Amino acid sequence: MSTLAPELHQLINQQINEEMSASYSYLAMSAWFEDTPYGGFAQWMLAQSQEETVHAMKFYHFLVDRGATVKLAALKAPDQAYTSPLEVFETSLKQEQHVTQCIHRLYEAAQEHRDYESKNLLNWFLDEQVEEEKAVQDMIDRLRLVGDNPVGLLQLDQEAGQRKPLAPTGEETA
């Protein structure tokens, strides 16, 4: 028997879809970079895809632990046509901002229903979204700084490739 308010139950199921959609989108971004000389950016986007899947699973397990039914929805195909690394990262930022707004909506519902367990989970996500948006905005700022300079782009690509993929547990791999 679920201990969640029906509105929260529905919103958390929707959030699982949002997180999986973000994962799918980042996977498409990684695939786009694989067709360019930017293997580091491909690695960065792949790691981001894996992280979004871990986020979806946090919501999944939260529903299960609360005795609520998980209802998965179809994912729409992500965009795969980009013209530059900057465009990819700008798309990533818009996606992160959208996810942040979804988390805000969830938090407001948790407050309204006085669901302290949900608020506790969502506090983690609020902090995570600050980190997510900052990481992407920092890369956008640096990409704008280097412009079309091939040496600068390759340097940023090399730095992006330093990001380690996540293990299925959500921990960085060695």
N, C-alpha and C. Protein backbone atom coordinates (compact mmCIF):
# COMPACT_ATOMS: atom_id res chain seq x y z
N MET A 1 0.84 -1.18 0.00
CA MET A 1 0.00 0.00 0.00
C MET A 1 0.88 1.25 0.00
N SER A 2 0.65 2.12 -0.94
CA SER A 2 1.46 3.32 -1.08
C SER A 2 1.17 4.32 0.04
N THR A 3 2.24 4.94 0.50
CA THR A 3 2.11 6.00 1.50
C THR A 3 2.27 7.38 0.85
N LEU A 4 2.25 7.42 -0.45
CA LEU A 4 2.41 8.68 -1.19
C LEU A 4 1.06 9.26 -1.59
N ALA A 5 0.98 10.58 -1.55
CA ALA A 5 -0.20 11.24 -2.10
C ALA A 5 -0.26 10.95 -3.60
N PRO A 6 -1.45 10.76 -4.16
CA PRO A 6 -1.55 10.45 -5.60
C PRO A 6 -0.83 11.46 -6.50
N GLU A 7 -0.89 12.73 -6.16
CA GLU A 7 -0.18 13.74 -6.98
C GLU A 7 1.32 13.51 -6.97
N LEU A 8 1.89 13.24 -5.79
CA LEU A 8 3.33 12.98 -5.71
C LEU A 8 3.69 11.70 -6.44
N HIS A 9 2.86 10.68 -6.29
CA HIS A 9 3.08 9.41 -6.97
C HIS A 9 3.19 9.65 -8.48
N GLN A 10 2.25 10.39 -9.03
CA GLN A 10 2.23 10.68 -10.46
C GLN A 10 3.46 11.52 -10.85
N LEU A 11 3.78 12.53 -10.07
CA LEU A 11 4.91 13.39 -10.41
C LEU A 11 6.25 12.65 -10.35
N ILE A 12 6.40 11.75 -9.40
CA ILE A 12 7.65 10.99 -9.31
C ILE A 12 7.76 10.02 -10.48
N ASN A 13 6.65 9.39 -10.87
CA ASN A 13 6.69 8.56 -12.08
C ASN A 13 7.08 9.40 -13.29
N GLN A 14 6.53 10.61 -13.39
CA GLN A 14 6.91 11.49 -14.49
C GLN A 14 8.39 11.86 -14.43
N GLN A 15 8.90 12.03 -13.20
CA GLN A 15 10.31 12.39 -13.06
C GLN A 15 11.23 11.25 -13.50
N ILE A 16 10.81 10.02 -13.26
CA ILE A 16 11.61 8.90 -13.78
C ILE A 16 11.73 9.04 -15.29
N ASN A 17 10.62 9.37 -15.96
CA ASN A 17 10.65 9.57 -17.40
C ASN A 17 11.55 10.74 -17.78
N GLU A 18 11.48 11.83 -17.03
CA GLU A 18 12.35 13.00 -17.31
C GLU A 18 13.82 12.62 -17.22
N GLU A 19 14.17 11.88 -16.19
CA GLU A 19 15.57 11.48 -15.99
C GLU A 19 16.03 10.51 -17.08
N MET A 20 15.16 9.56 -17.45
CA MET A 20 15.52 8.63 -18.52
C MET A 20 15.58 9.34 -19.87
N SER A 21 14.71 10.31 -20.08
CA SER A 21 14.76 11.10 -21.31
C SER A 21 16.06 11.88 -21.38
N ALA A 22 16.47 12.44 -20.25
CA ALA A 22 17.75 13.17 -20.20
C ALA A 22 18.90 12.21 -20.49
N SER A 23 18.85 11.02 -19.91
CA SER A 23 19.89 10.03 -20.17
C SER A 23 19.98 9.69 -21.65
N TYR A 24 18.82 9.48 -22.26
CA TYR A 24 18.75 9.14 -23.69
C TYR A 24 19.29 10.30 -24.53
N SER A 25 18.95 11.51 -24.15
CA SER A 25 19.43 12.69 -24.86
C SER A 25 20.95 12.81 -24.77
N TYR A 26 21.48 12.60 -23.56
CA TYR A 26 22.95 12.66 -23.41
C TYR A 26 23.63 11.55 -24.19
N LEU A 27 22.99 10.40 -24.28
CA LEU A 27 23.56 9.31 -25.08
C LEU A 27 23.61 9.71 -26.55
N ALA A 28 22.57 10.39 -27.02
CA ALA A 28 22.56 10.88 -28.41
C ALA A 28 23.64 11.94 -28.61
N MET A 29 23.84 12.79 -27.62
CA MET A 29 24.90 13.79 -27.71
C MET A 29 26.27 13.12 -27.77
N SER A 30 26.45 12.09 -26.95
CA SER A 30 27.70 11.34 -26.98
C SER A 30 27.92 10.71 -28.36
N ALA A 31 26.87 10.14 -28.91
CA ALA A 31 26.97 9.53 -30.25
C ALA A 31 27.34 10.57 -31.30
N TRP A 32 26.77 11.77 -31.18
CA TRP A 32 27.11 12.84 -32.13
C TRP A 32 28.60 13.16 -32.03
N PHE A 33 29.10 13.28 -30.81
CA PHE A 33 30.53 13.58 -30.62
C PHE A 33 31.41 12.44 -31.12
N GLU A 34 30.93 11.20 -31.08
CA GLU A 34 31.72 10.07 -31.58
C GLU A 34 32.01 10.21 -33.07
N ASP A 35 31.18 10.96 -33.78
CA ASP A 35 31.39 11.18 -35.22
C ASP A 35 32.23 12.43 -35.48
N THR A 36 32.85 12.97 -34.44
CA THR A 36 33.70 14.16 -34.56
C THR A 36 35.07 13.81 -33.99
N PRO A 37 36.02 14.73 -34.07
CA PRO A 37 37.32 14.47 -33.45
C PRO A 37 37.32 14.62 -31.92
N TYR A 38 36.15 14.86 -31.32
CA TYR A 38 36.06 15.21 -29.91
C TYR A 38 35.66 14.02 -29.03
N GLY A 39 36.56 13.07 -28.88
CA GLY A 39 36.30 11.89 -28.06
C GLY A 39 36.13 12.21 -26.59
N GLY A 40 36.78 13.27 -26.12
CA GLY A 40 36.63 13.66 -24.71
C GLY A 40 35.22 14.15 -24.41
N PHE A 41 34.68 14.95 -25.32
CA PHE A 41 33.30 15.41 -25.13
C PHE A 41 32.33 14.23 -25.21
N ALA A 42 32.63 13.27 -26.08
CA ALA A 42 31.79 12.06 -26.16
C ALA A 42 31.80 11.34 -24.82
N GLN A 43 32.98 11.22 -24.20
CA GLN A 43 33.10 10.57 -22.89
C GLN A 43 32.32 11.34 -21.83
N TRP A 44 32.41 12.68 -21.85
CA TRP A 44 31.71 13.52 -20.89
C TRP A 44 30.21 13.28 -20.98
N MET A 45 29.69 13.26 -22.21
CA MET A 45 28.25 13.07 -22.41
C MET A 45 27.82 11.66 -22.04
N LEU A 46 28.66 10.67 -22.30
CA LEU A 46 28.35 9.30 -21.90
C LEU A 46 28.26 9.19 -20.38
N ALA A 47 29.22 9.79 -19.69
CA ALA A 47 29.18 9.79 -18.23
C ALA A 47 27.93 10.50 -17.73
N GLN A 48 27.55 11.58 -18.40
CA GLN A 48 26.34 12.31 -18.00
C GLN A 48 25.10 11.45 -18.22
N SER A 49 25.07 10.71 -19.31
CA SER A 49 23.96 9.80 -19.58
C SER A 49 23.83 8.77 -18.45
N GLN A 50 24.95 8.20 -18.07
CA GLN A 50 24.94 7.20 -17.00
C GLN A 50 24.46 7.82 -15.69
N GLU A 51 24.87 9.04 -15.41
CA GLU A 51 24.46 9.72 -14.18
C GLU A 51 22.95 9.95 -14.16
N GLU A 52 22.38 10.32 -15.29
CA GLU A 52 20.94 10.54 -15.35
C GLU A 52 20.17 9.24 -15.12
N THR A 53 20.70 8.14 -15.61
CA THR A 53 20.08 6.84 -15.35
C THR A 53 20.10 6.52 -13.86
N VAL A 54 21.21 6.82 -13.21
CA VAL A 54 21.31 6.63 -11.76
C VAL A 54 20.25 7.48 -11.05
N HIS A 55 20.05 8.71 -11.52
CA HIS A 55 19.03 9.58 -10.92
C HIS A 55 17.64 8.96 -11.08
N ALA A 56 17.35 8.45 -12.26
CA ALA A 56 16.05 7.80 -12.48
C ALA A 56 15.86 6.64 -11.51
N MET A 57 16.93 5.89 -11.30
CA MET A 57 16.83 4.74 -10.42
C MET A 57 16.63 5.16 -8.96
N LYS A 58 17.14 6.31 -8.56
CA LYS A 58 16.87 6.82 -7.20
C LYS A 58 15.36 7.02 -7.03
N PHE A 59 14.74 7.62 -8.02
CA PHE A 59 13.29 7.82 -7.95
C PHE A 59 12.55 6.48 -8.01
N TYR A 60 13.01 5.59 -8.86
CA TYR A 60 12.41 4.26 -8.99
C TYR A 60 12.40 3.55 -7.63
N HIS A 61 13.57 3.48 -6.99
CA HIS A 61 13.67 2.79 -5.71
C HIS A 61 12.88 3.50 -4.61
N PHE A 62 12.80 4.82 -4.70
CA PHE A 62 12.01 5.56 -3.73
C PHE A 62 10.54 5.15 -3.82
N LEU A 63 10.03 5.05 -5.05
CA LEU A 63 8.64 4.60 -5.22
C LEU A 63 8.45 3.19 -4.68
N VAL A 64 9.34 2.31 -5.03
CA VAL A 64 9.24 0.92 -4.56
C VAL A 64 9.27 0.87 -3.04
N ASP A 65 10.20 1.61 -2.44
CA ASP A 65 10.32 1.62 -0.98
C ASP A 65 9.08 2.19 -0.30
N ARG A 66 8.37 3.06 -0.99
CA ARG A 66 7.16 3.66 -0.42
C ARG A 66 5.90 2.85 -0.76
N GLY A 67 6.08 1.72 -1.40
CA GLY A 67 4.94 0.86 -1.73
C GLY A 67 4.11 1.39 -2.89
N ALA A 68 4.71 2.23 -3.72
CA ALA A 68 4.00 2.83 -4.85
C ALA A 68 4.37 2.10 -6.15
N THR A 69 3.44 2.06 -7.06
CA THR A 69 3.65 1.40 -8.35
C THR A 69 4.48 2.29 -9.28
N VAL A 70 5.47 1.68 -9.90
CA VAL A 70 6.28 2.38 -10.90
C VAL A 70 5.56 2.21 -12.24
N LYS A 71 5.31 3.33 -12.90
CA LYS A 71 4.67 3.32 -14.22
C LYS A 71 5.58 4.03 -15.20
N LEU A 72 6.21 3.24 -16.07
CA LEU A 72 7.13 3.81 -17.05
C LEU A 72 6.38 4.27 -18.29
N ALA A 73 6.85 5.36 -18.86
CA ALA A 73 6.25 5.92 -20.07
C ALA A 73 7.24 5.81 -21.22
N ALA A 74 6.74 5.93 -22.42
CA ALA A 74 7.59 5.89 -23.60
C ALA A 74 8.53 7.10 -23.62
N LEU A 75 9.71 6.87 -24.19
CA LEU A 75 10.68 7.96 -24.37
C LEU A 75 10.63 8.42 -25.82
N LYS A 76 10.65 9.72 -26.02
CA LYS A 76 10.69 10.22 -27.39
C LYS A 76 12.14 10.23 -27.87
N ALA A 77 12.31 10.07 -29.15
CA ALA A 77 13.66 10.05 -29.71
C ALA A 77 14.32 11.41 -29.48
N PRO A 78 15.58 11.40 -29.02
CA PRO A 78 16.27 12.67 -28.78
C PRO A 78 16.80 13.28 -30.07
N ASP A 79 17.05 14.58 -30.03
CA ASP A 79 17.69 15.24 -31.16
C ASP A 79 19.08 14.67 -31.32
N GLN A 80 19.51 14.58 -32.58
CA GLN A 80 20.86 14.07 -32.84
C GLN A 80 21.60 14.92 -33.87
N ALA A 81 21.01 16.04 -34.25
CA ALA A 81 21.64 16.89 -35.26
C ALA A 81 22.16 18.16 -34.59
N TYR A 82 23.46 18.28 -34.52
CA TYR A 82 24.10 19.45 -33.94
C TYR A 82 25.12 20.00 -34.92
N THR A 83 25.52 21.23 -34.70
CA THR A 83 26.48 21.86 -35.61
C THR A 83 27.81 22.16 -34.94
N SER A 84 27.85 22.11 -33.59
CA SER A 84 29.09 22.45 -32.88
C SER A 84 29.04 21.94 -31.45
N PRO A 85 30.21 21.81 -30.84
CA PRO A 85 30.23 21.45 -29.42
C PRO A 85 29.45 22.46 -28.56
N LEU A 86 29.55 23.74 -28.89
CA LEU A 86 28.84 24.76 -28.13
C LEU A 86 27.33 24.51 -28.19
N GLU A 87 26.80 24.21 -29.37
CA GLU A 87 25.37 23.95 -29.49
C GLU A 87 24.95 22.75 -28.63
N VAL A 88 25.77 21.72 -28.60
CA VAL A 88 25.46 20.54 -27.79
C VAL A 88 25.37 20.92 -26.32
N PHE A 89 26.35 21.67 -25.84
CA PHE A 89 26.35 22.05 -24.43
C PHE A 89 25.24 23.05 -24.10
N GLU A 90 24.89 23.91 -25.03
CA GLU A 90 23.76 24.82 -24.80
C GLU A 90 22.46 24.02 -24.70
N THR A 91 22.32 22.99 -25.51
CA THR A 91 21.16 22.11 -25.43
C THR A 91 21.15 21.38 -24.09
N SER A 92 22.32 20.95 -23.66
CA SER A 92 22.45 20.28 -22.37
C SER A 92 22.00 21.21 -21.24
N LEU A 93 22.39 22.47 -21.28
CA LEU A 93 22.00 23.41 -20.22
C LEU A 93 20.48 23.59 -20.18
N LYS A 94 19.86 23.74 -21.35
CA LYS A 94 18.40 23.87 -21.39
C LYS A 94 17.73 22.63 -20.79
N GLN A 95 18.28 21.48 -21.08
CA GLN A 95 17.74 20.23 -20.54
C GLN A 95 17.88 20.20 -19.02
N GLU A 96 19.02 20.59 -18.51
CA GLU A 96 19.23 20.62 -17.06
C GLU A 96 18.30 21.62 -16.39
N GLN A 97 18.10 22.77 -17.02
CA GLN A 97 17.19 23.77 -16.46
C GLN A 97 15.76 23.23 -16.42
N HIS A 98 15.38 22.48 -17.43
CA HIS A 98 14.06 21.85 -17.44
C HIS A 98 13.92 20.85 -16.30
N VAL A 99 14.92 20.03 -16.11
CA VAL A 99 14.89 19.04 -15.03
C VAL A 99 14.81 19.76 -13.68
N THR A 100 15.55 20.85 -13.54
CA THR A 100 15.49 21.63 -12.30
C THR A 100 14.07 22.11 -12.03
N GLN A 101 13.39 22.60 -13.05
CA GLN A 101 12.01 23.06 -12.88
C GLN A 101 11.10 21.91 -12.47
N CYS A 102 11.32 20.74 -13.02
CA CYS A 102 10.53 19.56 -12.64
C CYS A 102 10.76 19.20 -11.18
N ILE A 103 12.00 19.27 -10.73
CA ILE A 103 12.33 18.99 -9.33
C ILE A 103 11.65 20.03 -8.43
N HIS A 104 11.66 21.29 -8.85
CA HIS A 104 10.98 22.34 -8.08
C HIS A 104 9.48 22.02 -7.93
N ARG A 105 8.87 21.61 -9.03
CA ARG A 105 7.43 21.27 -9.00
C ARG A 105 7.19 20.10 -8.03
N LEU A 106 8.06 19.12 -8.06
CA LEU A 106 7.96 17.99 -7.14
C LEU A 106 8.11 18.44 -5.69
N TYR A 107 9.08 19.31 -5.44
CA TYR A 107 9.32 19.79 -4.08
C TYR A 107 8.11 20.55 -3.55
N GLU A 108 7.54 21.39 -4.40
CA GLU A 108 6.35 22.14 -4.00
C GLU A 108 5.20 21.19 -3.64
N ALA A 109 5.05 20.13 -4.42
CA ALA A 109 3.99 19.14 -4.11
C ALA A 109 4.30 18.42 -2.80
N ALA A 110 5.56 18.09 -2.57
CA ALA A 110 5.94 17.43 -1.32
C ALA A 110 5.66 18.34 -0.12
N GLN A 111 5.93 19.62 -0.28
CA GLN A 111 5.63 20.58 0.79
C GLN A 111 4.13 20.65 1.04
N GLU A 112 3.38 20.75 -0.04
CA GLU A 112 1.92 20.86 0.06
C GLU A 112 1.32 19.65 0.79
N HIS A 113 1.87 18.47 0.52
CA HIS A 113 1.35 17.24 1.12
C HIS A 113 2.07 16.86 2.42
N ARG A 114 2.96 17.73 2.85
CA ARG A 114 3.71 17.51 4.09
C ARG A 114 4.39 16.14 4.08
N ASP A 115 4.97 15.82 2.93
CA ASP A 115 5.66 14.54 2.75
C ASP A 115 7.15 14.77 2.98
N TYR A 116 7.58 14.57 4.22
CA TYR A 116 8.94 14.89 4.62
C TYR A 116 9.97 13.94 4.00
N GLU A 117 9.58 12.70 3.79
CA GLU A 117 10.50 11.75 3.16
C GLU A 117 10.79 12.17 1.72
N SER A 118 9.77 12.60 1.00
CA SER A 118 9.98 13.07 -0.37
C SER A 118 10.83 14.33 -0.38
N LYS A 119 10.58 15.24 0.55
CA LYS A 119 11.37 16.46 0.63
C LYS A 119 12.84 16.14 0.88
N ASN A 120 13.10 15.15 1.71
CA ASN A 120 14.48 14.75 1.99
C ASN A 120 15.17 14.26 0.71
N LEU A 121 14.49 13.40 -0.03
CA LEU A 121 15.04 12.93 -1.31
C LEU A 121 15.26 14.11 -2.25
N LEU A 122 14.29 14.98 -2.34
CA LEU A 122 14.36 16.09 -3.29
C LEU A 122 15.41 17.12 -2.91
N ASN A 123 15.73 17.25 -1.62
CA ASN A 123 16.82 18.15 -1.23
C ASN A 123 18.13 17.73 -1.90
N TRP A 124 18.36 16.41 -1.95
CA TRP A 124 19.56 15.91 -2.63
C TRP A 124 19.55 16.32 -4.10
N PHE A 125 18.39 16.17 -4.74
CA PHE A 125 18.28 16.51 -6.16
C PHE A 125 18.43 18.02 -6.40
N LEU A 126 17.93 18.83 -5.48
CA LEU A 126 18.10 20.28 -5.63
C LEU A 126 19.58 20.65 -5.63
N ASP A 127 20.34 20.08 -4.70
CA ASP A 127 21.79 20.32 -4.66
C ASP A 127 22.46 19.80 -5.92
N GLU A 128 22.06 18.63 -6.36
CA GLU A 128 22.63 18.01 -7.56
C GLU A 128 22.41 18.89 -8.79
N GLN A 129 21.22 19.46 -8.90
CA GLN A 129 20.92 20.29 -10.07
C GLN A 129 21.75 21.56 -10.09
N VAL A 130 22.07 22.11 -8.94
CA VAL A 130 22.96 23.28 -8.90
C VAL A 130 24.32 22.88 -9.50
N GLU A 131 24.83 21.72 -9.08
CA GLU A 131 26.11 21.22 -9.61
C GLU A 131 26.03 20.95 -11.11
N GLU A 132 24.94 20.32 -11.53
CA GLU A 132 24.76 19.98 -12.95
C GLU A 132 24.77 21.23 -13.82
N GLU A 133 23.95 22.21 -13.45
CA GLU A 133 23.86 23.43 -14.25
C GLU A 133 25.19 24.18 -14.25
N LYS A 134 25.88 24.22 -13.12
CA LYS A 134 27.16 24.92 -13.05
C LYS A 134 28.19 24.24 -13.96
N ALA A 135 28.27 22.93 -13.92
CA ALA A 135 29.25 22.21 -14.74
C ALA A 135 29.03 22.49 -16.23
N VAL A 136 27.78 22.48 -16.65
CA VAL A 136 27.48 22.73 -18.07
C VAL A 136 27.73 24.20 -18.40
N GLN A 137 27.31 25.12 -17.54
CA GLN A 137 27.53 26.54 -17.80
C GLN A 137 29.02 26.86 -17.86
N ASP A 138 29.81 26.24 -16.99
CA ASP A 138 31.27 26.44 -17.04
C ASP A 138 31.84 26.01 -18.39
N MET A 139 31.37 24.88 -18.89
CA MET A 139 31.86 24.40 -20.19
C MET A 139 31.41 25.34 -21.30
N ILE A 140 30.19 25.82 -21.25
CA ILE A 140 29.70 26.78 -22.25
C ILE A 140 30.56 28.04 -22.23
N ASP A 141 30.84 28.54 -21.04
CA ASP A 141 31.67 29.75 -20.93
C ASP A 141 33.05 29.53 -21.54
N ARG A 142 33.62 28.38 -21.29
CA ARG A 142 34.95 28.07 -21.83
C ARG A 142 34.90 27.86 -23.34
N LEU A 143 33.83 27.21 -23.83
CA LEU A 143 33.68 27.03 -25.27
C LEU A 143 33.52 28.37 -25.97
N ARG A 144 32.78 29.28 -25.38
CA ARG A 144 32.63 30.62 -25.96
C ARG A 144 33.96 31.36 -25.96
N LEU A 145 34.74 31.17 -24.92
CA LEU A 145 36.04 31.82 -24.81
C LEU A 145 36.99 31.37 -25.92
N VAL A 146 37.03 30.06 -26.20
CA VAL A 146 37.95 29.57 -27.23
C VAL A 146 37.39 29.73 -28.64
N GLY A 147 36.07 29.89 -28.77
CA GLY A 147 35.48 30.07 -30.10
C GLY A 147 35.80 28.91 -31.02
N ASP A 148 36.28 29.22 -32.21
CA ASP A 148 36.62 28.19 -33.20
C ASP A 148 38.10 27.81 -33.18
N ASN A 149 38.82 28.24 -32.16
CA ASN A 149 40.25 27.94 -32.07
C ASN A 149 40.44 26.44 -31.89
N PRO A 150 41.04 25.76 -32.88
CA PRO A 150 41.17 24.30 -32.80
C PRO A 150 42.01 23.83 -31.60
N VAL A 151 43.05 24.56 -31.27
CA VAL A 151 43.89 24.17 -30.14
C VAL A 151 43.08 24.28 -28.84
N GLY A 152 42.35 25.36 -28.69
CA GLY A 152 41.52 25.53 -27.50
C GLY A 152 40.43 24.47 -27.41
N LEU A 153 39.79 24.16 -28.52
CA LEU A 153 38.74 23.13 -28.54
C LEU A 153 39.30 21.77 -28.16
N LEU A 154 40.48 21.45 -28.70
CA LEU A 154 41.08 20.15 -28.38
C LEU A 154 41.51 20.10 -26.91
N GLN A 155 41.95 21.23 -26.36
CA GLN A 155 42.32 21.26 -24.94
C GLN A 155 41.08 21.01 -24.07
N LEU A 156 39.98 21.69 -24.39
CA LEU A 156 38.73 21.48 -23.64
C LEU A 156 38.24 20.04 -23.79
N ASP A 157 38.36 19.51 -25.00
CA ASP A 157 37.96 18.13 -25.24
C ASP A 157 38.77 17.16 -24.38
N GLN A 158 40.07 17.42 -24.31
CA GLN A 158 40.94 16.56 -23.49
C GLN A 158 40.54 16.64 -22.02
N GLU A 159 40.26 17.82 -21.53
CA GLU A 159 39.83 17.99 -20.14
C GLU A 159 38.48 17.29 -19.90
N ALA A 160 37.56 17.42 -20.85
CA ALA A 160 36.25 16.77 -20.70
C ALA A 160 36.39 15.26 -20.63
N GLY A 161 37.37 14.72 -21.34
CA GLY A 161 37.60 13.28 -21.34
C GLY A 161 38.13 12.74 -20.03
N GLN A 162 38.54 13.63 -19.12
CA GLN A 162 39.03 13.20 -17.81
C GLN A 162 37.90 12.73 -16.90
N ARG A 163 36.67 13.10 -17.26
CA ARG A 163 35.52 12.72 -16.44
C ARG A 163 35.35 11.21 -16.50
N LYS A 164 35.25 10.60 -15.35
CA LYS A 164 35.14 9.15 -15.27
C LYS A 164 33.68 8.72 -15.40
N PRO A 165 33.44 7.60 -16.09
CA PRO A 165 32.07 7.08 -16.16
C PRO A 165 31.64 6.55 -14.80
N LEU A 166 30.35 6.41 -14.63
CA LEU A 166 29.81 5.90 -13.37
C LEU A 166 29.58 4.40 -13.45
N ALA A 167 29.77 3.76 -12.32
CA ALA A 167 29.40 2.35 -12.20
C ALA A 167 27.88 2.30 -12.01
N PRO A 168 27.26 1.15 -12.18
CA PRO A 168 25.81 1.04 -12.00
C PRO A 168 25.31 1.51 -10.63
N THR A 169 26.21 1.56 -9.64
CA THR A 169 25.84 2.01 -8.31
C THR A 169 25.79 3.53 -8.22
N GLY A 170 26.29 4.22 -9.24
CA GLY A 170 26.33 5.67 -9.20
C GLY A 170 27.68 6.20 -8.75
N GLU A 171 28.60 5.31 -8.41
CA GLU A 171 29.94 5.72 -7.99
C GLU A 171 30.85 5.84 -9.21
N GLU A 172 31.83 6.75 -9.14
CA GLU A 172 32.80 6.85 -10.24
C GLU A 172 33.63 5.57 -10.32
N THR A 173 33.96 5.19 -11.55
CA THR A 173 34.84 4.03 -11.71
C THR A 173 36.28 4.48 -11.61
N ALA A 174 37.16 3.55 -11.38
CA ALA A 174 38.58 3.87 -11.22
C ALA A 174 39.25 4.15 -12.53
